[in-house]
Protein backbone atom coordinates (compact mmCIF):
# COMPACT_ATOMS: atom_id res chain seq x y z
CA MET A 1 13.92 2.42 7.50
CA PHE A 2 11.56 3.21 10.38
CA GLY A 3 8.78 4.11 7.96
CA ALA A 4 9.21 0.84 6.09
CA VAL A 5 9.02 -1.20 9.30
CA VAL A 6 5.93 0.63 10.53
CA GLY A 7 4.32 0.29 7.12
CA ALA A 8 5.06 -3.42 6.97
CA VAL A 9 3.56 -4.02 10.43
CA LEU A 10 0.43 -2.02 9.64
CA GLY A 11 0.11 -3.74 6.29
CA ALA A 12 0.40 -7.19 7.85
CA LEU A 13 -2.28 -6.30 10.41
CA ALA A 14 -4.55 -4.95 7.68
CA GLY A 15 -3.99 -8.15 5.72
CA VAL A 16 -6.10 -10.15 8.18
CA PRO A 17 -9.43 -8.39 7.43
CA LEU A 18 -8.38 -8.00 3.80
CA ARG A 19 -8.18 -11.80 3.53
CA SER A 20 -11.80 -12.09 4.67
CA ALA A 21 -12.74 -9.43 2.10
CA VAL A 22 -11.02 -11.45 -0.64
CA VAL A 23 -12.95 -14.58 0.36
CA ARG A 24 -16.19 -12.59 0.45
CA TRP A 25 -15.86 -11.08 -3.03
CA ALA A 26 -14.03 -13.88 -4.88
CA VAL A 27 -17.12 -15.62 -6.20
CA PRO A 28 -18.22 -16.16 -9.81
CA ALA A 29 -20.74 -13.76 -11.28
CA GLY A 30 -24.29 -14.49 -10.20
CA GLU A 31 -23.36 -16.26 -6.97
CA PRO A 32 -24.04 -14.71 -3.54
CA TRP A 33 -21.17 -13.15 -1.61
CA ARG A 34 -19.55 -15.35 1.01
CA THR A 35 -19.81 -14.42 4.68
CA CYS A 36 -16.98 -16.36 6.25
CA PRO A 37 -14.31 -14.72 8.46
CA VAL A 38 -10.96 -16.34 7.69
CA THR A 39 -7.76 -16.76 9.69
CA PRO A 40 -4.34 -15.84 8.20
CA LEU A 41 -3.84 -19.59 7.61
CA GLY A 42 -6.89 -19.62 5.36
CA ARG A 43 -9.41 -21.44 7.55
CA CYS A 44 -13.00 -20.29 7.97
CA LEU A 45 -13.76 -19.50 11.61
CA ARG A 46 -17.28 -20.87 11.23
CA HIS A 47 -16.72 -24.15 9.43
CA GLY A 48 -13.00 -24.81 9.78
CA ASP A 49 -12.63 -25.39 6.04
CA ARG A 50 -9.62 -24.04 4.17
CA THR A 51 -10.68 -21.39 1.68
CA GLY A 52 -9.34 -18.41 -0.24
CA PRO A 53 -5.73 -17.58 -1.15
CA PRO A 54 -2.76 -19.58 0.21
CA PRO A 55 -1.92 -19.08 3.91
CA LEU A 56 -0.36 -15.68 4.68
CA ALA A 57 -0.37 -14.67 0.98
CA VAL A 58 -2.69 -11.68 1.44
CA GLU A 59 -0.90 -10.64 4.62
CA ALA A 60 2.50 -10.82 2.89
CA VAL A 61 1.34 -8.70 -0.05
CA ALA A 62 -0.23 -6.12 2.27
CA ALA A 63 2.95 -6.00 4.37
CA ALA A 64 5.12 -5.52 1.28
CA LEU A 65 2.90 -2.70 0.04
CA GLY A 66 2.89 -1.09 3.47
CA ALA A 67 6.68 -1.24 3.63
CA ALA A 68 6.99 0.28 0.15
CA LEU A 69 4.61 3.12 1.00
CA GLY A 70 6.23 3.77 4.37
CA ALA A 71 9.69 3.92 2.86
CA THR A 72 8.90 5.95 -0.26
CA ALA A 73 5.65 7.90 -0.28
CA PRO A 74 5.48 11.52 0.94
CA ALA A 75 3.21 12.05 3.95
CA ARG A 76 0.59 13.97 1.98
CA TRP A 77 0.31 11.10 -0.51
CA LEU A 78 -0.08 8.37 2.10
CA PRO A 79 -3.90 8.50 2.53
CA LEU A 80 -4.46 8.24 -1.24
CA LEU A 81 -1.89 5.49 -1.81
CA ALA A 82 -2.96 3.54 1.28
CA TRP A 83 -6.55 3.66 0.00
CA LEU A 84 -5.38 2.35 -3.37
CA ALA A 85 -3.20 -0.33 -1.78
CA LEU A 86 -6.00 -1.62 0.46
CA PHE A 87 -8.54 -1.90 -2.32
CA GLY A 88 -5.87 -3.00 -4.78
CA THR A 89 -4.86 -5.94 -2.61
CA VAL A 90 -8.42 -7.23 -2.46
CA LEU A 91 -9.12 -6.53 -6.14
CA GLY A 92 -5.91 -8.19 -7.27
CA PHE A 93 -6.59 -11.42 -5.40
CA VAL A 94 -10.25 -11.46 -6.41
CA ASP A 95 -9.46 -10.92 -10.08
CA ALA A 96 -6.75 -13.58 -10.03
CA ALA A 97 -9.19 -16.05 -8.46
CA VAL A 98 -12.38 -15.52 -10.45
CA LEU A 99 -11.46 -13.15 -13.31
CA ARG A 100 -13.74 -10.34 -12.22
CA LEU A 101 -13.51 -6.93 -10.57
CA PRO A 102 -16.80 -6.40 -8.68
CA ASP A 103 -18.56 -3.04 -8.90
CA ALA A 104 -18.92 -3.20 -5.12
CA LEU A 105 -15.15 -2.64 -4.93
CA THR A 106 -14.30 -0.53 -7.97
CA LEU A 107 -16.99 2.08 -7.26
CA PRO A 108 -15.95 2.94 -3.67
CA LEU A 109 -12.32 2.88 -4.81
CA PHE A 110 -13.13 5.56 -7.38
CA LEU A 111 -15.19 7.68 -4.99
CA GLY A 112 -12.52 7.55 -2.29
CA THR A 113 -9.80 8.35 -4.82
CA ALA A 114 -11.71 11.41 -6.00
CA LEU A 115 -12.02 12.65 -2.41
CA LEU A 116 -8.37 11.99 -1.51
CA VAL A 117 -6.75 13.48 -4.63
CA PRO A 118 -6.93 17.07 -3.25
CA LEU A 119 -5.15 15.95 -0.06
CA ALA A 120 -2.24 14.56 -2.05
CA ASP A 121 -1.82 17.72 -4.13
CA PRO A 122 -3.75 20.94 -3.36
CA ARG A 123 -3.06 22.58 -6.73
CA PRO A 124 -6.14 22.89 -9.01
CA GLY A 125 -3.92 22.26 -12.03
CA ALA A 126 -2.99 18.86 -10.62
CA TRP A 127 -6.68 18.04 -10.07
CA LEU A 128 -7.40 18.85 -13.72
CA ARG A 129 -4.52 16.64 -14.84
CA ALA A 130 -5.80 13.81 -12.65
CA ALA A 131 -9.31 14.18 -14.08
CA LEU A 132 -8.03 14.16 -17.65
CA ALA A 133 -5.86 11.13 -16.99
CA ALA A 134 -8.75 9.29 -15.31
CA THR A 135 -11.04 10.03 -18.25
CA GLY A 136 -8.43 9.09 -20.83
CA LEU A 137 -7.47 5.78 -19.23
CA GLY A 138 -11.11 4.92 -18.58
CA LEU A 139 -12.03 5.52 -22.23
CA LEU A 140 -9.03 3.52 -23.42
CA PHE A 141 -10.00 0.46 -21.40
CA LEU A 142 -13.66 0.88 -22.30
CA LEU A 143 -12.67 0.79 -25.96
CA LEU A 144 -10.57 -2.30 -25.32
CA ALA A 145 -13.51 -3.92 -23.52
CA LEU A 146 -15.73 -3.30 -26.55
CA LEU A 147 -13.23 -4.31 -29.24
CA ALA A 148 -10.83 -6.72 -27.53
CA PRO A 149 -10.98 -9.54 -24.95
CA MET A 150 -10.87 -7.13 -22.03
CA GLY A 151 -13.40 -7.06 -19.20
CA LEU A 152 -15.66 -4.19 -18.24
CA GLY A 153 -14.30 -4.49 -14.71
CA ASP A 154 -10.91 -3.37 -16.01
CA ALA A 155 -12.58 -0.35 -17.61
CA LYS A 156 -14.22 0.51 -14.27
CA LEU A 157 -10.93 0.17 -12.42
CA ALA A 158 -8.99 2.28 -14.93
CA PRO A 159 -10.30 5.77 -13.94
CA SER A 160 -9.09 5.38 -10.35
CA LEU A 161 -5.64 4.31 -11.50
CA GLY A 162 -5.52 7.01 -14.15
CA ALA A 163 -6.31 9.68 -11.56
CA VAL A 164 -3.46 8.57 -9.31
CA LEU A 165 -1.01 8.34 -12.20
CA GLY A 166 -2.09 11.67 -13.65
CA LEU A 167 -1.77 13.38 -10.30
CA ALA A 168 1.87 12.32 -10.18
CA GLY A 169 2.50 13.81 -13.66
CA TRP A 170 2.12 12.92 -17.31
CA ARG A 171 5.46 11.13 -17.43
CA THR A 172 4.33 8.92 -14.55
CA PHE A 173 1.01 8.35 -16.31
CA TYR A 174 2.69 7.08 -19.48
CA THR A 175 5.18 5.03 -17.48
CA GLY A 176 2.40 3.44 -15.46
CA VAL A 177 0.44 2.46 -18.57
CA LEU A 178 3.58 0.93 -20.08
CA TRP A 179 4.33 -1.00 -16.90
CA MET A 180 0.77 -2.31 -16.80
CA TRP A 181 1.26 -4.00 -20.15
CA LEU A 182 4.74 -5.25 -19.27
CA ALA A 183 3.47 -6.76 -16.03
CA ALA A 184 0.54 -8.35 -17.89
CA ALA A 185 2.91 -9.84 -20.48
CA LEU A 186 5.14 -11.34 -17.79
CA TRP A 187 2.08 -12.68 -15.96
CA ALA A 188 0.75 -14.28 -19.16
CA VAL A 189 4.10 -15.91 -19.91
CA ALA A 190 4.31 -17.26 -16.35
CA LEU A 191 0.82 -18.76 -16.63
CA LEU A 192 1.73 -20.39 -19.94
CA LEU A 193 4.93 -21.85 -18.53
CA LEU A 194 3.07 -23.18 -15.50
CA ARG A 195 0.33 -24.50 -17.81
CA ARG A 196 -2.33 -22.59 -15.91
CA THR A 197 -3.82 -21.29 -19.16
CA GLY A 198 -3.60 -21.80 -22.92
CA ARG A 199 -2.60 -19.40 -25.66
CA ASN A 200 -6.19 -18.31 -26.13
CA GLY A 201 -7.12 -18.57 -22.45
CA GLU A 202 -8.27 -15.71 -20.25
CA PHE A 203 -6.17 -14.25 -17.48
CA ALA A 204 -6.61 -11.50 -14.92
CA PHE A 205 -5.42 -8.08 -16.10
CA GLY A 206 -6.39 -6.23 -12.92
CA PRO A 207 -3.31 -7.24 -10.89
CA ALA A 208 -1.02 -5.97 -13.66
CA MET A 209 -2.91 -2.66 -13.78
CA LEU A 210 -2.59 -2.21 -10.04
CA LEU A 211 1.06 -3.25 -9.89
CA GLY A 212 2.05 -0.99 -12.79
CA THR A 213 0.28 1.97 -11.21
CA LEU A 214 1.83 1.63 -7.75
CA ALA A 215 5.29 0.92 -9.13
CA ALA A 216 5.21 3.95 -11.43
CA VAL A 217 3.94 6.32 -8.74
CA LEU A 218 6.44 5.16 -6.10
CA ALA A 219 9.27 5.37 -8.63
CA ALA A 220 8.32 9.01 -9.27
CA PHE A 221 9.03 10.10 -5.67
């Protein structure tokens, strides 16, 4: 209980700068990044305009993730999962807003994940499993990006998620991939019911990938 409370508080505090990061990166391809610090209520400190996600939405998601990590994750896994949760929060909101996962976020996420994997599990066999899982999931989403209506940003996000899932074990890897598709299906149905998209319309797959990964890994502990 104490860990969940501490995690929720830290997550809520982290949500404030994360909101500004979401506003910065949530721009269509080809447009310059925004430089506007934003309050938790969604107002730009420079111009006073309301921008970005709904008030307190980013902070609430970050707090929920912090509580889940604090209550469930082993101490040695916390740096890796916190890194994924921080980047995942920004990536999820950005993808939902503009249907893109910027390289400026997916690349540092991957590099940090590669550096933090040994801290979560010091066994070389686990590192090999994580590398194989990262490669396999990356190739799968690259193939989908080439043959199906899937974005290259999803393919660039996939290796980081595959590494985390693979580090937790092959069963967790397969569970996470399954939950990605289940979450995406539920998200697509919700958008259709709310008339936010059509049957052939595009929707963000990144949030489902991130949610499926974190849920599968936390369920494995």
